[in-house]
Amino acid sequence: MEPDYARYLEIDEMGMLSTVTIRDDNTLAGYCIDFITPSLHQSSNIISVNDLLYIIPNCRRQGCGKKLLQTVHEHLVKRKVAVHYLAMKVDYPFEAMAEALGYSKVEYNYRKILGE
């Protein structure tokens, strides 16, 4: 990864970034970063698109991810977000937890690295 920290800060200053963390004994155990924007398809809705969701390995399958997402939901509702789009890596699926929290699968995404 090569995060563009300056761009993240710029987006945050625009009020379009959501960062929620979870801690285990004051140690960072995970985070969820989302971009918040008016929907281009339904202009009356504000949406949140997940950029990163990470739970440290020793906190996985212990309820940390569920607790983190519940906190994210509370935070997004306060920001008047109508829809939260959640992404997950194929190598680290958590579909059962997402569905238990009320998410539904709405699309598949594929990627192709160009220019190689």
C-alpha atoms as a PDB file:
ATOM      1  CA  MET A   1       0.000   0.000   0.000  1.00  0.00           C
ATOM      2  CA  GLU A   2       1.001   3.588  -0.648  1.00  0.00           C
ATOM      3  CA  PRO A   3      -1.593   5.754   1.128  1.00  0.00           C
ATOM      4  CA  ASP A   4      -1.934   9.339  -0.065  1.00  0.00           C
ATOM      5  CA  TYR A   5      -2.162  10.828   3.423  1.00  0.00           C
ATOM      6  CA  ALA A   6      -2.383  14.386   2.116  1.00  0.00           C
ATOM      7  CA  ARG A   7      -5.439  13.481   0.031  1.00  0.00           C
ATOM      8  CA  TYR A   8      -7.065  11.698   2.988  1.00  0.00           C
ATOM      9  CA  LEU A   9      -6.562  14.844   5.074  1.00  0.00           C
ATOM     10  CA  GLU A  10      -7.998  16.991   2.283  1.00  0.00           C
ATOM     11  CA  ILE A  11     -11.088  14.770   2.036  1.00  0.00           C
ATOM     12  CA  ASP A  12     -11.426  14.829   5.819  1.00  0.00           C
ATOM     13  CA  GLU A  13     -11.247  18.635   5.848  1.00  0.00           C
ATOM     14  CA  MET A  14     -14.080  18.618   3.281  1.00  0.00           C
ATOM     15  CA  GLY A  15     -16.203  16.662   5.779  1.00  0.00           C
ATOM     16  CA  MET A  16     -16.317  13.645   3.478  1.00  0.00           C
ATOM     17  CA  LEU A  17     -14.258  11.147   5.505  1.00  0.00           C
ATOM     18  CA  SER A  18     -15.388   8.930   8.346  1.00  0.00           C
ATOM     19  CA  THR A  19     -12.817   7.176  10.519  1.00  0.00           C
ATOM     20  CA  VAL A  20     -13.986   4.955  13.365  1.00  0.00           C
ATOM     21  CA  THR A  21     -11.641   2.877  15.508  1.00  0.00           C
ATOM     22  CA  ILE A  22     -11.962   0.099  18.044  1.00  0.00           C
ATOM     23  CA  ARG A  23      -9.542  -0.490  20.884  1.00  0.00           C
ATOM     24  CA  ASP A  24      -8.596  -3.427  23.064  1.00  0.00           C
ATOM     25  CA  ASP A  25      -7.106  -2.272  26.376  1.00  0.00           C
ATOM     26  CA  ASN A  26      -6.241   1.134  24.824  1.00  0.00           C
ATOM     27  CA  THR A  27      -4.433  -0.563  21.921  1.00  0.00           C
ATOM     28  CA  LEU A  28      -5.754   0.009  18.400  1.00  0.00           C
ATOM     29  CA  ALA A  29      -7.542  -3.203  17.407  1.00  0.00           C
ATOM     30  CA  GLY A  30      -9.202  -2.085  14.187  1.00  0.00           C
ATOM     31  CA  TYR A  31     -10.571   0.718  12.077  1.00  0.00           C
ATOM     32  CA  CYS A  32     -13.148   1.502   9.434  1.00  0.00           C
ATOM     33  CA  ILE A  33     -12.608   4.327   6.942  1.00  0.00           C
ATOM     34  CA  ASP A  34     -15.414   5.482   4.656  1.00  0.00           C
ATOM     35  CA  PHE A  35     -16.008   8.225   2.105  1.00  0.00           C
ATOM     36  CA  ILE A  36     -19.267  10.139   2.611  1.00  0.00           C
ATOM     37  CA  THR A  37     -20.897  11.848  -0.356  1.00  0.00           C
ATOM     38  CA  PRO A  38     -24.269  12.696  -1.846  1.00  0.00           C
ATOM     39  CA  SER A  39     -25.354   9.854  -4.116  1.00  0.00           C
ATOM     40  CA  LEU A  40     -25.023  10.616  -7.817  1.00  0.00           C
ATOM     41  CA  HIS A  41     -27.810   8.120  -8.575  1.00  0.00           C
ATOM     42  CA  GLN A  42     -30.239   9.218  -5.859  1.00  0.00           C
ATOM     43  CA  SER A  43     -29.380  12.839  -5.195  1.00  0.00           C
ATOM     44  CA  SER A  44     -31.592  13.086  -2.102  1.00  0.00           C
ATOM     45  CA  ASN A  45     -29.484  10.428  -0.312  1.00  0.00           C
ATOM     46  CA  ILE A  46     -26.126  10.706   1.366  1.00  0.00           C
ATOM     47  CA  ILE A  47     -24.105   7.512   1.013  1.00  0.00           C
ATOM     48  CA  SER A  48     -21.010   6.117   2.643  1.00  0.00           C
ATOM     49  CA  VAL A  49     -18.615   3.965   0.636  1.00  0.00           C
ATOM     50  CA  ASN A  50     -16.200   1.801   2.600  1.00  0.00           C
ATOM     51  CA  ASP A  51     -12.530   2.332   1.823  1.00  0.00           C
ATOM     52  CA  LEU A  52     -10.846   0.220   4.502  1.00  0.00           C
ATOM     53  CA  LEU A  53     -11.998  -2.122   7.232  1.00  0.00           C
ATOM     54  CA  TYR A  54      -9.348  -3.827   9.310  1.00  0.00           C
ATOM     55  CA  ILE A  55      -9.332  -5.839  12.530  1.00  0.00           C
ATOM     56  CA  ILE A  56      -6.013  -7.071  13.920  1.00  0.00           C
ATOM     57  CA  PRO A  57      -5.742 -10.864  13.629  1.00  0.00           C
ATOM     58  CA  ASN A  58      -5.935 -11.687  17.348  1.00  0.00           C
ATOM     59  CA  CYS A  59      -9.233  -9.749  17.654  1.00  0.00           C
ATOM     60  CA  ARG A  60     -10.988 -11.429  14.716  1.00  0.00           C
ATOM     61  CA  ARG A  61     -13.924 -13.769  15.379  1.00  0.00           C
ATOM     62  CA  GLN A  62     -14.307 -12.312  18.863  1.00  0.00           C
ATOM     63  CA  GLY A  63     -17.000  -9.737  18.161  1.00  0.00           C
ATOM     64  CA  CYS A  64     -14.626  -6.818  17.479  1.00  0.00           C
ATOM     65  CA  GLY A  65     -15.698  -6.464  13.851  1.00  0.00           C
ATOM     66  CA  LYS A  66     -19.374  -6.545  14.769  1.00  0.00           C
ATOM     67  CA  LYS A  67     -18.879  -3.990  17.547  1.00  0.00           C
ATOM     68  CA  LEU A  68     -16.857  -1.771  15.204  1.00  0.00           C
ATOM     69  CA  LEU A  69     -19.527  -1.848  12.481  1.00  0.00           C
ATOM     70  CA  GLN A  70     -22.285  -1.148  14.997  1.00  0.00           C
ATOM     71  CA  THR A  71     -20.336   1.926  16.102  1.00  0.00           C
ATOM     72  CA  VAL A  72     -19.837   2.895  12.447  1.00  0.00           C
ATOM     73  CA  HIS A  73     -23.610   2.648  11.908  1.00  0.00           C
ATOM     74  CA  GLU A  74     -24.289   4.973  14.860  1.00  0.00           C
ATOM     75  CA  HIS A  75     -21.714   7.458  13.582  1.00  0.00           C
ATOM     76  CA  LEU A  76     -23.082   7.411  10.017  1.00  0.00           C
ATOM     77  CA  VAL A  77     -26.682   7.851  11.161  1.00  0.00           C
ATOM     78  CA  LYS A  78     -25.616  10.981  13.074  1.00  0.00           C
ATOM     79  CA  ARG A  79     -24.106  12.242   9.812  1.00  0.00           C
ATOM     80  CA  LYS A  80     -27.425  11.649   7.992  1.00  0.00           C
ATOM     81  CA  VAL A  81     -26.061   8.809   5.835  1.00  0.00           C
ATOM     82  CA  ALA A  82     -28.860   6.787   4.221  1.00  0.00           C
ATOM     83  CA  VAL A  83     -26.874   3.862   2.746  1.00  0.00           C
ATOM     84  CA  HIS A  84     -23.550   2.282   3.745  1.00  0.00           C
ATOM     85  CA  TYR A  85     -21.694   0.308   1.086  1.00  0.00           C
ATOM     86  CA  LEU A  86     -19.333  -2.187   2.682  1.00  0.00           C
ATOM     87  CA  ALA A  87     -16.406  -3.795   0.865  1.00  0.00           C
ATOM     88  CA  MET A  88     -14.538  -6.952   1.779  1.00  0.00           C
ATOM     89  CA  LYS A  89     -11.512  -8.655   0.358  1.00  0.00           C
ATOM     90  CA  VAL A  90     -12.021 -12.066  -1.248  1.00  0.00           C
ATOM     91  CA  ASP A  91      -9.162 -13.434   0.878  1.00  0.00           C
ATOM     92  CA  TYR A  92     -10.775 -12.203   4.130  1.00  0.00           C
ATOM     93  CA  PRO A  93     -14.534 -12.691   3.817  1.00  0.00           C
ATOM     94  CA  PHE A  94     -16.942 -11.825   6.594  1.00  0.00           C
ATOM     95  CA  GLU A  95     -20.231 -12.253   4.756  1.00  0.00           C
ATOM     96  CA  ALA A  96     -22.040 -13.965   7.640  1.00  0.00           C
ATOM     97  CA  MET A  97     -21.298 -11.075   9.988  1.00  0.00           C
ATOM     98  CA  ALA A  98     -22.253  -8.469   7.372  1.00  0.00           C
ATOM     99  CA  GLU A  99     -25.545 -10.232   6.661  1.00  0.00           C
ATOM    100  CA  ALA A 100     -26.242 -10.597  10.405  1.00  0.00           C
ATOM    101  CA  LEU A 101     -25.849  -6.807  10.641  1.00  0.00           C
ATOM    102  CA  GLY A 102     -28.400  -6.273   7.856  1.00  0.00           C
ATOM    103  CA  TYR A 103     -26.163  -5.889   4.803  1.00  0.00           C
ATOM    104  CA  SER A 104     -27.212  -7.493   1.547  1.00  0.00           C
ATOM    105  CA  LYS A 105     -24.979  -8.453  -1.350  1.00  0.00           C
ATOM    106  CA  VAL A 106     -25.679  -6.005  -4.175  1.00  0.00           C
ATOM    107  CA  GLU A 107     -22.843  -6.414  -6.667  1.00  0.00           C
ATOM    108  CA  TYR A 108     -19.573  -8.096  -7.499  1.00  0.00           C
ATOM    109  CA  ASN A 109     -16.473  -6.094  -8.359  1.00  0.00           C
ATOM    110  CA  TYR A 110     -13.601  -7.266 -10.510  1.00  0.00           C
ATOM    111  CA  ARG A 111     -10.301  -5.611 -11.247  1.00  0.00           C
ATOM    112  CA  LYS A 112      -7.755  -5.761 -14.002  1.00  0.00           C
ATOM    113  CA  ILE A 113      -4.365  -4.154 -13.662  1.00  0.00           C
ATOM    114  CA  LEU A 114      -3.729  -2.272 -16.895  1.00  0.00           C
ATOM    115  CA  GLY A 115      -0.450  -1.482 -18.561  1.00  0.00           C
ATOM    116  CA  GLU A 116       1.429  -4.627 -17.595  1.00  0.00           C
END
